[in-house]
PDB file of N, CA and C in Angstrom:
ATOM      1  N   MET A   1      65.332  71.183  64.283  1.00  0.00           N
ATOM      2  CA  MET A   1      65.675  70.954  63.010  1.00  0.00           C
ATOM      3  C   MET A   1      66.989  69.952  62.807  1.00  0.00           C
ATOM      4  N   ALA A   2      66.616  68.946  62.308  1.00  0.00           N
ATOM      5  CA  ALA A   2      67.737  67.943  62.385  1.00  0.00           C
ATOM      6  C   ALA A   2      68.545  68.092  61.421  1.00  0.00           C
ATOM      7  N   VAL A   3      69.755  67.798  61.372  1.00  0.00           N
ATOM      8  CA  VAL A   3      70.718  68.237  60.370  1.00  0.00           C
ATOM      9  C   VAL A   3      71.264  67.119  60.149  1.00  0.00           C
ATOM     10  N   SER A   4      70.978  65.781  61.020  1.00  0.00           N
ATOM     11  CA  SER A   4      71.425  64.091  60.349  1.00  0.00           C
ATOM     12  C   SER A   4      70.585  63.524  60.274  1.00  0.00           C
ATOM     13  N   LEU A   5      71.123  62.268  59.662  1.00  0.00           N
ATOM     14  CA  LEU A   5      69.764  61.288  59.621  1.00  0.00           C
ATOM     15  C   LEU A   5      69.678  60.191  60.247  1.00  0.00           C
ATOM     16  N   PRO A   6      69.050  60.143  61.105  1.00  0.00           N
ATOM     17  CA  PRO A   6      69.852  58.818  61.872  1.00  0.00           C
ATOM     18  C   PRO A   6      69.208  57.303  61.490  1.00  0.00           C
ATOM     19  N   ALA A   7      69.289  56.480  61.795  1.00  0.00           N
ATOM     20  CA  ALA A   7      69.275  54.736  61.315  1.00  0.00           C
ATOM     21  C   ALA A   7      67.696  55.009  61.137  1.00  0.00           C
ATOM     22  N   GLY A   8      66.773  55.371  61.970  1.00  0.00           N
ATOM     23  CA  GLY A   8      65.486  55.203  61.636  1.00  0.00           C
ATOM     24  C   GLY A   8      64.807  55.995  60.500  1.00  0.00           C
ATOM     25  N   ARG A   9      65.480  57.017  60.516  1.00  0.00           N
ATOM     26  CA  ARG A   9      64.836  58.091  59.442  1.00  0.00           C
ATOM     27  C   ARG A   9      65.186  57.522  58.014  1.00  0.00           C
ATOM     28  N   ILE A  10      66.541  56.987  57.933  1.00  0.00           N
ATOM     29  CA  ILE A  10      67.051  56.363  56.712  1.00  0.00           C
ATOM     30  C   ILE A  10      65.997  55.225  56.281  1.00  0.00           C
ATOM     31  N   ILE A  11      65.997  54.099  57.236  1.00  0.00           N
ATOM     32  CA  ILE A  11      65.088  52.883  57.347  1.00  0.00           C
ATOM     33  C   ILE A  11      63.669  53.368  56.859  1.00  0.00           C
ATOM     34  N   ARG A  12      62.871  54.460  57.313  1.00  0.00           N
ATOM     35  CA  ARG A  12      61.609  54.755  56.286  1.00  0.00           C
ATOM     36  C   ARG A  12      61.645  55.141  55.144  1.00  0.00           C
ATOM     37  N   TYR A  13      62.858  56.023  55.179  1.00  0.00           N
ATOM     38  CA  TYR A  13      62.731  56.511  53.754  1.00  0.00           C
ATOM     39  C   TYR A  13      63.188  55.129  52.633  1.00  0.00           C
ATOM     40  N   LEU A  14      64.014  54.114  53.022  1.00  0.00           N
ATOM     41  CA  LEU A  14      64.429  53.498  52.306  1.00  0.00           C
ATOM     42  C   LEU A  14      62.784  52.484  51.904  1.00  0.00           C
ATOM     43  N   ASP A  15      62.245  52.325  52.956  1.00  0.00           N
ATOM     44  CA  ASP A  15      60.852  51.355  53.172  1.00  0.00           C
ATOM     45  C   ASP A  15      59.740  52.338  52.289  1.00  0.00           C
ATOM     46  N   LYS A  16      59.961  53.436  51.788  1.00  0.00           N
ATOM     47  CA  LYS A  16      58.938  54.121  51.223  1.00  0.00           C
ATOM     48  C   LYS A  16      59.663  53.897  49.826  1.00  0.00           C
ATOM     49  N   LEU A  17      60.691  53.660  49.578  1.00  0.00           N
ATOM     50  CA  LEU A  17      61.351  53.888  47.955  1.00  0.00           C
ATOM     51  C   LEU A  17      60.925  52.358  47.769  1.00  0.00           C
ATOM     52  N   ALA A  18      60.953  51.816  48.561  1.00  0.00           N
ATOM     53  CA  ALA A  18      60.886  49.796  48.560  1.00  0.00           C
ATOM     54  C   ALA A  18      59.557  49.872  47.734  1.00  0.00           C
ATOM     55  N   GLU A  19      58.366  50.319  48.371  1.00  0.00           N
ATOM     56  CA  GLU A  19      57.059  50.311  48.007  1.00  0.00           C
ATOM     57  C   GLU A  19      56.881  50.460  46.792  1.00  0.00           C
ATOM     58  N   TYR A  20      57.521  51.093  46.027  1.00  0.00           N
ATOM     59  CA  TYR A  20      57.413  51.756  44.731  1.00  0.00           C
ATOM     60  C   TYR A  20      58.678  50.663  43.476  1.00  0.00           C
ATOM     61  N   HIS A  21      59.775  50.365  44.461  1.00  0.00           N
ATOM     62  CA  HIS A  21      61.062  49.798  43.382  1.00  0.00           C
ATOM     63  C   HIS A  21      61.289  48.546  43.854  1.00  0.00           C
ATOM     64  N   GLY A  22      60.866  47.883  44.968  1.00  0.00           N
ATOM     65  CA  GLY A  22      61.599  46.785  45.646  1.00  0.00           C
ATOM     66  C   GLY A  22      62.384  46.993  46.408  1.00  0.00           C
ATOM     67  N   TYR A  23      63.113  46.046  47.321  1.00  0.00           N
ATOM     68  CA  TYR A  23      64.182  46.350  48.015  1.00  0.00           C
ATOM     69  C   TYR A  23      65.419  45.836  47.186  1.00  0.00           C
ATOM     70  N   PRO A  24      66.473  46.740  47.435  1.00  0.00           N
ATOM     71  CA  PRO A  24      67.917  46.121  46.496  1.00  0.00           C
ATOM     72  C   PRO A  24      68.419  44.800  47.197  1.00  0.00           C
ATOM     73  N   LEU A  25      69.213  44.188  46.542  1.00  0.00           N
ATOM     74  CA  LEU A  25      69.962  43.065  46.744  1.00  0.00           C
ATOM     75  C   LEU A  25      71.014  43.228  47.921  1.00  0.00           C
ATOM     76  N   LYS A  26      71.274  44.916  47.163  1.00  0.00           N
ATOM     77  CA  LYS A  26      72.921  45.027  48.028  1.00  0.00           C
ATOM     78  C   LYS A  26      72.789  46.515  48.086  1.00  0.00           C
ATOM     79  N   ILE A  27      73.233  47.608  49.403  1.00  0.00           N
ATOM     80  CA  ILE A  27      73.522  48.353  49.582  1.00  0.00           C
ATOM     81  C   ILE A  27      74.887  49.021  49.747  1.00  0.00           C
ATOM     82  N   ARG A  28      75.825  49.624  49.011  1.00  0.00           N
ATOM     83  CA  ARG A  28      77.019  50.127  49.431  1.00  0.00           C
ATOM     84  C   ARG A  28      76.839  51.674  49.857  1.00  0.00           C
ATOM     85  N   ILE A  29      77.920  51.551  51.237  1.00  0.00           N
ATOM     86  CA  ILE A  29      77.742  52.954  52.130  1.00  0.00           C
ATOM     87  C   ILE A  29      78.717  52.906  53.031  1.00  0.00           C
ATOM     88  N   ASP A  30      78.820  54.249  53.732  1.00  0.00           N
ATOM     89  CA  ASP A  30      80.078  54.338  54.221  1.00  0.00           C
ATOM     90  C   ASP A  30      80.058  53.910  55.418  1.00  0.00           C
ATOM     91  N   ASN A  31      81.107  54.083  56.555  1.00  0.00           N
ATOM     92  CA  ASN A  31      81.026  53.737  57.546  1.00  0.00           C
ATOM     93  C   ASN A  31      80.439  54.196  58.865  1.00  0.00           C
ATOM     94  N   GLY A  32      79.487  55.357  58.223  1.00  0.00           N
ATOM     95  CA  GLY A  32      79.177  56.037  59.375  1.00  0.00           C
ATOM     96  C   GLY A  32      78.008  55.330  60.447  1.00  0.00           C
ATOM     97  N   PRO A  33      78.087  55.925  61.604  1.00  0.00           N
ATOM     98  CA  PRO A  33      77.400  55.184  62.769  1.00  0.00           C
ATOM     99  C   PRO A  33      76.128  55.027  62.657  1.00  0.00           C
ATOM    100  N   GLU A  34      75.508  55.724  61.871  1.00  0.00           N
ATOM    101  CA  GLU A  34      74.004  55.299  61.335  1.00  0.00           C
ATOM    102  C   GLU A  34      73.987  53.883  60.600  1.00  0.00           C
ATOM    103  N   PHE A  35      74.977  53.509  59.802  1.00  0.00           N
ATOM    104  CA  PHE A  35      74.567  52.725  58.898  1.00  0.00           C
ATOM    105  C   PHE A  35      75.606  51.209  59.724  1.00  0.00           C
ATOM    106  N   THR A  36      76.084  51.241  60.396  1.00  0.00           N
ATOM    107  CA  THR A  36      76.413  50.643  61.686  1.00  0.00           C
ATOM    108  C   THR A  36      76.109  50.068  62.263  1.00  0.00           C
ATOM    109  N   GLY A  37      75.328  50.783  63.210  1.00  0.00           N
ATOM    110  CA  GLY A  37      74.752  50.033  64.255  1.00  0.00           C
ATOM    111  C   GLY A  37      73.585  49.258  63.990  1.00  0.00           C
ATOM    112  N   ASN A  38      73.063  48.525  65.300  1.00  0.00           N
ATOM    113  CA  ASN A  38      72.174  47.319  65.049  1.00  0.00           C
ATOM    114  C   ASN A  38      70.711  47.710  64.250  1.00  0.00           C
ATOM    115  N   THR A  39      70.418  48.618  64.746  1.00  0.00           N
ATOM    116  CA  THR A  39      69.189  49.011  63.999  1.00  0.00           C
ATOM    117  C   THR A  39      68.936  49.355  62.227  1.00  0.00           C
ATOM    118  N   PHE A  40      70.268  49.751  61.750  1.00  0.00           N
ATOM    119  CA  PHE A  40      70.292  49.571  60.457  1.00  0.00           C
ATOM    120  C   PHE A  40      70.573  47.749  59.883  1.00  0.00           C
ATOM    121  N   THR A  41      71.920  47.313  60.402  1.00  0.00           N
ATOM    122  CA  THR A  41      72.342  46.362  60.007  1.00  0.00           C
ATOM    123  C   THR A  41      71.246  45.155  60.444  1.00  0.00           C
ATOM    124  N   ASN A  42      70.412  45.517  61.208  1.00  0.00           N
ATOM    125  CA  ASN A  42      69.082  44.111  61.414  1.00  0.00           C
ATOM    126  C   ASN A  42      68.017  44.403  60.354  1.00  0.00           C
ATOM    127  N   TRP A  43      67.643  45.673  60.026  1.00  0.00           N
ATOM    128  CA  TRP A  43      66.578  46.071  59.424  1.00  0.00           C
ATOM    129  C   TRP A  43      66.935  45.447  57.758  1.00  0.00           C
ATOM    130  N   ALA A  44      68.289  45.492  57.212  1.00  0.00           N
ATOM    131  CA  ALA A  44      68.833  45.161  56.319  1.00  0.00           C
ATOM    132  C   ALA A  44      68.875  43.784  55.917  1.00  0.00           C
ATOM    133  N   LYS A  45      69.453  43.154  57.104  1.00  0.00           N
ATOM    134  CA  LYS A  45      69.340  41.773  57.413  1.00  0.00           C
ATOM    135  C   LYS A  45      68.059  41.071  57.177  1.00  0.00           C
ATOM    136  N   SER A  46      66.749  41.515  57.834  1.00  0.00           N
ATOM    137  CA  SER A  46      65.235  41.317  57.882  1.00  0.00           C
ATOM    138  C   SER A  46      64.568  41.519  55.860  1.00  0.00           C
ATOM    139  N   HIS A  47      65.628  41.888  55.580  1.00  0.00           N
ATOM    140  CA  HIS A  47      65.181  42.327  53.900  1.00  0.00           C
ATOM    141  C   HIS A  47      66.048  41.430  53.187  1.00  0.00           C
ATOM    142  N   GLY A  48      66.880  40.919  53.503  1.00  0.00           N
ATOM    143  CA  GLY A  48      67.836  40.110  52.819  1.00  0.00           C
ATOM    144  C   GLY A  48      69.090  41.330  51.862  1.00  0.00           C
ATOM    145  N   ILE A  49      69.294  42.389  52.443  1.00  0.00           N
ATOM    146  CA  ILE A  49      69.804  43.024  51.594  1.00  0.00           C
ATOM    147  C   ILE A  49      71.162  42.950  52.403  1.00  0.00           C
ATOM    148  N   THR A  50      72.443  42.997  51.339  1.00  0.00           N
ATOM    149  CA  THR A  50      73.518  42.738  51.472  1.00  0.00           C
ATOM    150  C   THR A  50      74.372  44.396  52.236  1.00  0.00           C
ATOM    151  N   ILE A  51      74.925  44.429  53.164  1.00  0.00           N
ATOM    152  CA  ILE A  51      75.673  45.660  53.006  1.00  0.00           C
ATOM    153  C   ILE A  51      76.972  45.700  52.539  1.00  0.00           C
ATOM    154  N   GLU A  52      77.653  46.420  51.523  1.00  0.00           N
ATOM    155  CA  GLU A  52      79.018  46.581  51.103  1.00  0.00           C
ATOM    156  C   GLU A  52      79.301  48.056  51.850  1.00  0.00           C
ATOM    157  N   TYR A  53      80.428  47.895  52.688  1.00  0.00           N
ATOM    158  CA  TYR A  53      80.833  49.149  53.347  1.00  0.00           C
ATOM    159  C   TYR A  53      82.151  49.432  52.396  1.00  0.00           C
ATOM    160  N   ILE A  54      82.600  50.613  52.029  1.00  0.00           N
ATOM    161  CA  ILE A  54      83.235  51.335  51.402  1.00  0.00           C
ATOM    162  C   ILE A  54      84.616  51.344  52.657  1.00  0.00           C
ATOM    163  N   ASN A  55      85.956  51.151  51.821  1.00  0.00           N
ATOM    164  CA  ASN A  55      86.728  51.090  53.183  1.00  0.00           C
ATOM    165  C   ASN A  55      87.034  52.784  53.156  1.00  0.00           C
ATOM    166  N   PRO A  56      87.264  52.786  55.011  1.00  0.00           N
ATOM    167  CA  PRO A  56      87.274  54.199  55.298  1.00  0.00           C
ATOM    168  C   PRO A  56      88.559  55.218  54.368  1.00  0.00           C
ATOM    169  N   GLY A  57      88.055  56.420  54.131  1.00  0.00           N
ATOM    170  CA  GLY A  57      88.863  57.115  53.725  1.00  0.00           C
ATOM    171  C   GLY A  57      89.236  56.921  52.006  1.00  0.00           C
ATOM    172  N   SER A  58      88.124  55.989  51.638  1.00  0.00           N
ATOM    173  CA  SER A  58      88.013  55.609  49.803  1.00  0.00           C
ATOM    174  C   SER A  58      86.826  56.017  49.526  1.00  0.00           C
ATOM    175  N   PRO A  59      86.660  57.290  49.340  1.00  0.00           N
ATOM    176  CA  PRO A  59      85.392  57.445  48.809  1.00  0.00           C
ATOM    177  C   PRO A  59      84.991  57.364  46.922  1.00  0.00           C
ATOM    178  N   TYR A  60      86.187  57.099  46.614  1.00  0.00           N
ATOM    179  CA  TYR A  60      85.946  56.581  45.021  1.00  0.00           C
ATOM    180  C   TYR A  60      85.428  55.200  45.177  1.00  0.00           C
ATOM    181  N   GLN A  61      85.485  54.536  46.117  1.00  0.00           N
ATOM    182  CA  GLN A  61      84.531  53.228  46.241  1.00  0.00           C
ATOM    183  C   GLN A  61      83.341  53.585  45.964  1.00  0.00           C
ATOM    184  N   ASN A  62      82.847  54.474  46.055  1.00  0.00           N
ATOM    185  CA  ASN A  62      81.117  54.897  46.254  1.00  0.00           C
ATOM    186  C   ASN A  62      81.136  56.248  45.313  1.00  0.00           C
ATOM    187  N   GLY A  63      81.486  55.800  43.808  1.00  0.00           N
ATOM    188  CA  GLY A  63      81.789  57.022  42.514  1.00  0.00           C
ATOM    189  C   GLY A  63      80.271  57.523  42.513  1.00  0.00           C
ATOM    190  N   TYR A  64      79.292  56.895  42.853  1.00  0.00           N
ATOM    191  CA  TYR A  64      77.991  57.915  42.542  1.00  0.00           C
ATOM    192  C   TYR A  64      77.480  58.753  43.368  1.00  0.00           C
ATOM    193  N   ILE A  65      77.505  58.380  44.704  1.00  0.00           N
ATOM    194  CA  ILE A  65      77.010  59.557  45.678  1.00  0.00           C
ATOM    195  C   ILE A  65      78.278  60.321  45.646  1.00  0.00           C
ATOM    196  N   GLU A  66      79.507  60.014  45.290  1.00  0.00           N
ATOM    197  CA  GLU A  66      80.606  61.171  45.266  1.00  0.00           C
ATOM    198  C   GLU A  66      80.333  62.576  44.026  1.00  0.00           C
ATOM    199  N   ARG A  67      79.786  61.464  42.989  1.00  0.00           N
ATOM    200  CA  ARG A  67      79.598  62.531  42.148  1.00  0.00           C
ATOM    201  C   ARG A  67      78.214  63.452  42.233  1.00  0.00           C
ATOM    202  N   PHE A  68      77.354  62.859  43.148  1.00  0.00           N
ATOM    203  CA  PHE A  68      76.048  63.449  43.291  1.00  0.00           C
ATOM    204  C   PHE A  68      76.412  64.405  44.138  1.00  0.00           C
ATOM    205  N   ASN A  69      77.595  64.032  45.654  1.00  0.00           N
ATOM    206  CA  ASN A  69      77.667  65.265  46.076  1.00  0.00           C
ATOM    207  C   ASN A  69      78.292  66.365  45.583  1.00  0.00           C
ATOM    208  N   ARG A  70      78.968  65.973  44.789  1.00  0.00           N
ATOM    209  CA  ARG A  70      79.501  67.268  43.979  1.00  0.00           C
ATOM    210  C   ARG A  70      78.838  68.128  43.244  1.00  0.00           C
ATOM    211  N   SER A  71      77.923  67.473  42.835  1.00  0.00           N
ATOM    212  CA  SER A  71      76.845  68.426  42.053  1.00  0.00           C
ATOM    213  C   SER A  71      76.230  69.144  42.824  1.00  0.00           C
ATOM    214  N   TYR A  72      75.813  68.499  43.662  1.00  0.00           N
ATOM    215  CA  TYR A  72      75.047  69.511  45.145  1.00  0.00           C
ATOM    216  C   TYR A  72      75.438  70.662  45.488  1.00  0.00           C
ATOM    217  N   ARG A  73      77.099  69.813  45.527  1.00  0.00           N
ATOM    218  CA  ARG A  73      78.290  71.122  46.717  1.00  0.00           C
ATOM    219  C   ARG A  73      78.444  72.524  45.452  1.00  0.00           C
ATOM    220  N   THR A  74      78.455  72.075  44.211  1.00  0.00           N
ATOM    221  CA  THR A  74      78.727  72.939  43.346  1.00  0.00           C
ATOM    222  C   THR A  74      77.583  73.768  42.619  1.00  0.00           C
ATOM    223  N   GLU A  75      76.287  73.307  42.657  1.00  0.00           N
ATOM    224  CA  GLU A  75      75.003  73.698  42.361  1.00  0.00           C
ATOM    225  C   GLU A  75      73.982  73.949  43.094  1.00  0.00           C
ATOM    226  N   VAL A  76      74.288  74.148  44.295  1.00  0.00           N
ATOM    227  CA  VAL A  76      73.604  74.226  45.517  1.00  0.00           C
ATOM    228  C   VAL A  76      74.179  75.510  46.333  1.00  0.00           C
ATOM    229  N   ILE A  77      75.380  74.401  47.230  1.00  0.00           N
ATOM    230  CA  ILE A  77      75.665  74.877  48.476  1.00  0.00           C
ATOM    231  C   ILE A  77      76.644  76.139  48.043  1.00  0.00           C
ATOM    232  N   ASP A  78      77.575  75.541  47.065  1.00  0.00           N
ATOM    233  CA  ASP A  78      78.456  77.424  46.371  1.00  0.00           C
ATOM    234  C   ASP A  78      77.943  78.507  46.056  1.00  0.00           C
ATOM    235  N   LEU A  79      76.363  78.091  45.607  1.00  0.00           N
ATOM    236  CA  LEU A  79      75.456  79.447  44.721  1.00  0.00           C
ATOM    237  C   LEU A  79      74.684  79.762  45.506  1.00  0.00           C
ATOM    238  N   TYR A  80      74.559  79.473  46.573  1.00  0.00           N
ATOM    239  CA  TYR A  80      73.261  80.314  47.573  1.00  0.00           C
ATOM    240  C   TYR A  80      73.954  80.604  49.085  1.00  0.00           C
ATOM    241  N   LEU A  81      73.766  81.618  49.600  1.00  0.00           N
ATOM    242  CA  LEU A  81      73.882  81.958  50.949  1.00  0.00           C
ATOM    243  C   LEU A  81      72.805  81.967  51.755  1.00  0.00           C
ATOM    244  N   PHE A  82      72.424  80.721  52.274  1.00  0.00           N
ATOM    245  CA  PHE A  82      71.116  80.450  53.317  1.00  0.00           C
ATOM    246  C   PHE A  82      71.092  81.172  54.576  1.00  0.00           C
ATOM    247  N   ASN A  83      70.311  81.785  55.013  1.00  0.00           N
ATOM    248  CA  ASN A  83      69.586  82.495  55.798  1.00  0.00           C
ATOM    249  C   ASN A  83      69.547  81.616  56.961  1.00  0.00           C
ATOM    250  N   ASN A  84      68.807  80.484  56.790  1.00  0.00           N
ATOM    251  CA  ASN A  84      68.161  79.196  57.369  1.00  0.00           C
ATOM    252  C   ASN A  84      68.370  78.012  57.062  1.00  0.00           C
ATOM    253  N   LEU A  85      67.705  77.107  58.102  1.00  0.00           N
ATOM    254  CA  LEU A  85      67.871  75.726  57.415  1.00  0.00           C
ATOM    255  C   LEU A  85      66.820  75.234  56.702  1.00  0.00           C
ATOM    256  N   GLU A  86      65.543  76.182  57.339  1.00  0.00           N
ATOM    257  CA  GLU A  86      64.455  76.055  56.259  1.00  0.00           C
ATOM    258  C   GLU A  86      64.763  76.309  54.711  1.00  0.00           C
ATOM    259  N   GLN A  87      65.518  77.458  54.344  1.00  0.00           N
ATOM    260  CA  GLN A  87      65.716  77.934  53.287  1.00  0.00           C
ATOM    261  C   GLN A  87      66.323  76.900  52.482  1.00  0.00           C
ATOM    262  N   ALA A  88      67.847  76.540  53.225  1.00  0.00           N
ATOM    263  CA  ALA A  88      68.664  75.642  52.676  1.00  0.00           C
ATOM    264  C   ALA A  88      67.804  73.996  52.275  1.00  0.00           C
ATOM    265  N   ARG A  89      66.490  73.787  52.661  1.00  0.00           N
ATOM    266  CA  ARG A  89      65.728  72.197  52.478  1.00  0.00           C
ATOM    267  C   ARG A  89      65.160  72.832  50.873  1.00  0.00           C
ATOM    268  N   LYS A  90      64.642  73.942  51.211  1.00  0.00           N
ATOM    269  CA  LYS A  90      63.546  74.392  50.140  1.00  0.00           C
ATOM    270  C   LYS A  90      64.595  74.422  49.138  1.00  0.00           C
ATOM    271  N   VAL A  91      65.309  75.434  48.902  1.00  0.00           N
ATOM    272  CA  VAL A  91      66.176  74.883  47.510  1.00  0.00           C
ATOM    273  C   VAL A  91      66.555  73.561  47.103  1.00  0.00           C
ATOM    274  N   THR A  92      67.049  72.829  47.985  1.00  0.00           N
ATOM    275  CA  THR A  92      67.765  71.351  47.714  1.00  0.00           C
ATOM    276  C   THR A  92      66.548  70.920  47.406  1.00  0.00           C
ATOM    277  N   GLU A  93      65.483  71.029  47.565  1.00  0.00           N
ATOM    278  CA  GLU A  93      63.832  70.072  47.041  1.00  0.00           C
ATOM    279  C   GLU A  93      63.636  70.328  45.884  1.00  0.00           C
ATOM    280  N   GLU A  94      63.625  71.854  45.343  1.00  0.00           N
ATOM    281  CA  GLU A  94      63.703  72.272  44.303  1.00  0.00           C
ATOM    282  C   GLU A  94      64.776  71.640  43.018  1.00  0.00           C
ATOM    283  N   TRP A  95      65.609  71.751  43.631  1.00  0.00           N
ATOM    284  CA  TRP A  95      66.981  71.197  43.061  1.00  0.00           C
ATOM    285  C   TRP A  95      66.824  69.602  42.730  1.00  0.00           C
ATOM    286  N   LEU A  96      66.417  69.064  43.695  1.00  0.00           N
ATOM    287  CA  LEU A  96      66.490  67.740  43.559  1.00  0.00           C
ATOM    288  C   LEU A  96      65.359  66.834  42.749  1.00  0.00           C
ATOM    289  N   THR A  97      64.371  67.962  42.474  1.00  0.00           N
ATOM    290  CA  THR A  97      62.840  67.558  41.810  1.00  0.00           C
ATOM    291  C   THR A  97      63.541  67.889  40.191  1.00  0.00           C
ATOM    292  N   ILE A  98      64.234  68.457  40.333  1.00  0.00           N
ATOM    293  CA  ILE A  98      65.222  68.834  38.679  1.00  0.00           C
ATOM    294  C   ILE A  98      66.033  67.463  38.307  1.00  0.00           C
ATOM    295  N   TYR A  99      66.853  67.592  39.341  1.00  0.00           N
ATOM    296  CA  TYR A  99      67.994  66.333  38.960  1.00  0.00           C
ATOM    297  C   TYR A  99      67.212  65.396  39.124  1.00  0.00           C
ATOM    298  N   ASN A 100      66.594  64.928  39.347  1.00  0.00           N
ATOM    299  CA  ASN A 100      65.686  63.467  39.458  1.00  0.00           C
ATOM    300  C   ASN A 100      64.854  63.172  38.180  1.00  0.00           C
ATOM    301  N   THR A 101      64.628  63.962  37.420  1.00  0.00           N
ATOM    302  CA  THR A 101      63.320  64.263  36.350  1.00  0.00           C
ATOM    303  C   THR A 101      63.771  64.916  35.312  1.00  0.00           C
ATOM    304  N   GLU A 102      64.239  65.804  35.338  1.00  0.00           N
ATOM    305  CA  GLU A 102      64.452  67.003  34.349  1.00  0.00           C
ATOM    306  C   GLU A 102      65.575  66.613  33.444  1.00  0.00           C
ATOM    307  N   ARG A 103      66.917  66.562  34.271  1.00  0.00           N
ATOM    308  CA  ARG A 103      68.368  66.744  34.075  1.00  0.00           C
ATOM    309  C   ARG A 103      69.145  65.353  33.712  1.00  0.00           C
ATOM    310  N   PRO A 104      69.390  65.542  32.378  1.00  0.00           N
ATOM    311  CA  PRO A 104      70.202  64.457  31.566  1.00  0.00           C
ATOM    312  C   PRO A 104      71.802  63.701  32.495  1.00  0.00           C
ATOM    313  N   HIS A 105      71.610  62.208  32.687  1.00  0.00           N
ATOM    314  CA  HIS A 105      72.700  62.142  33.718  1.00  0.00           C
ATOM    315  C   HIS A 105      73.675  61.084  32.687  1.00  0.00           C
ATOM    316  N   GLU A 106      74.940  61.536  33.072  1.00  0.00           N
ATOM    317  CA  GLU A 106      75.713  60.255  32.056  1.00  0.00           C
ATOM    318  C   GLU A 106      75.786  58.918  32.234  1.00  0.00           C
ATOM    319  N   ALA A 107      75.055  58.761  33.693  1.00  0.00           N
ATOM    320  CA  ALA A 107      74.621  57.325  33.714  1.00  0.00           C
ATOM    321  C   ALA A 107      74.160  56.784  32.915  1.00  0.00           C
ATOM    322  N   LEU A 108      73.271  57.530  32.415  1.00  0.00           N
ATOM    323  CA  LEU A 108      71.888  56.832  32.007  1.00  0.00           C
ATOM    324  C   LEU A 108      71.600  57.274  30.407  1.00  0.00           C
ATOM    325  N   ASN A 109      73.009  57.316  29.979  1.00  0.00           N
ATOM    326  CA  ASN A 109      73.478  57.563  28.354  1.00  0.00           C
ATOM    327  C   ASN A 109      73.107  58.808  28.169  1.00  0.00           C
ATOM    328  N   ASN A 110      72.907  59.955  29.014  1.00  0.00           N
ATOM    329  CA  ASN A 110      72.633  61.305  28.825  1.00  0.00           C
ATOM    330  C   ASN A 110      71.304  61.527  28.580  1.00  0.00           C
ATOM    331  N   MET A 111      70.069  60.388  29.019  1.00  0.00           N
ATOM    332  CA  MET A 111      68.815  60.447  29.463  1.00  0.00           C
ATOM    333  C   MET A 111      68.370  61.273  30.439  1.00  0.00           C
ATOM    334  N   THR A 112      67.361  61.733  30.606  1.00  0.00           N
ATOM    335  CA  THR A 112      66.560  61.905  31.765  1.00  0.00           C
ATOM    336  C   THR A 112      66.504  60.676  32.745  1.00  0.00           C
ATOM    337  N   PRO A 113      66.279  61.176  34.105  1.00  0.00           N
ATOM    338  CA  PRO A 113      65.546  59.611  34.951  1.00  0.00           C
ATOM    339  C   PRO A 113      64.294  59.148  33.927  1.00  0.00           C
ATOM    340  N   ILE A 114      63.768  60.315  33.899  1.00  0.00           N
ATOM    341  CA  ILE A 114      61.852  59.824  33.089  1.00  0.00           C
ATOM    342  C   ILE A 114      62.119  59.333  31.876  1.00  0.00           C
ATOM    343  N   GLU A 115      63.137  59.853  31.313  1.00  0.00           N
ATOM    344  CA  GLU A 115      63.152  59.020  30.109  1.00  0.00           C
ATOM    345  C   GLU A 115      63.947  57.893  30.194  1.00  0.00           C
ATOM    346  N   TYR A 116      64.818  57.285  30.672  1.00  0.00           N
ATOM    347  CA  TYR A 116      65.148  56.004  31.152  1.00  0.00           C
ATOM    348  C   TYR A 116      64.274  55.274  31.631  1.00  0.00           C
ATOM    349  N   LYS A 117      63.642  55.503  32.525  1.00  0.00           N
ATOM    350  CA  LYS A 117      62.243  54.916  33.200  1.00  0.00           C
ATOM    351  C   LYS A 117      61.807  54.456  32.307  1.00  0.00           C
ATOM    352  N   THR A 118      61.273  55.374  31.292  1.00  0.00           N
ATOM    353  CA  THR A 118      60.032  55.211  30.329  1.00  0.00           C
ATOM    354  C   THR A 118      60.781  54.109  29.360  1.00  0.00           C
ATOM    355  N   LEU A 119      61.792  54.232  28.900  1.00  0.00           N
ATOM    356  CA  LEU A 119      62.681  53.070  28.233  1.00  0.00           C
ATOM    357  C   LEU A 119      62.451  51.690  28.599  1.00  0.00           C
ATOM    358  N   LYS A 120      63.186  51.880  29.978  1.00  0.00           N
ATOM    359  CA  LYS A 120      62.898  50.886  30.627  1.00  0.00           C
ATOM    360  C   LYS A 120      61.721  50.099  30.745  1.00  0.00           C
ATOM    361  N   GLN A 121      60.789  50.544  31.072  1.00  0.00           N
ATOM    362  CA  GLN A 121      59.418  50.000  31.055  1.00  0.00           C
ATOM    363  C   GLN A 121      58.931  49.360  29.790  1.00  0.00           C
ATOM    364  N   ALA A 122      59.445  50.103  28.602  1.00  0.00           N
ATOM    365  CA  ALA A 122      58.758  49.939  27.230  1.00  0.00           C
ATOM    366  C   ALA A 122      59.828  48.154  26.735  1.00  0.00           C
ATOM    367  N   ALA A 123      60.837  48.128  27.477  1.00  0.00           N
ATOM    368  CA  ALA A 123      61.719  46.980  26.832  1.00  0.00           C
ATOM    369  C   ALA A 123      60.981  45.872  27.490  1.00  0.00           C
TER     370      ALA A 123
END
């Protein structure tokens, strides 16, 4: 049961996202070893992605992920007492489905991600 995300796993996930959304021009991330090693940096370079690292000790430079982390912490981690990692994964997957489809987001003008995507496609 893995509790970390090595660069290879992150790359596989980002490649799957790119199948639907294309590759981003830039990624803003922290200075974790999974993002600073050759595997990740070479992958980004091969796809023309600029890596923008936040300064160490400056989480406010990546406000979107910090907001997500706070929501996850208060709405999942603080509410449940997990007996094992599999249980935590199941609750997390259920929460992520709601978070990514049904829940309004301030950053999307209080629309759900599905509403926002539909609006953008219609424009």
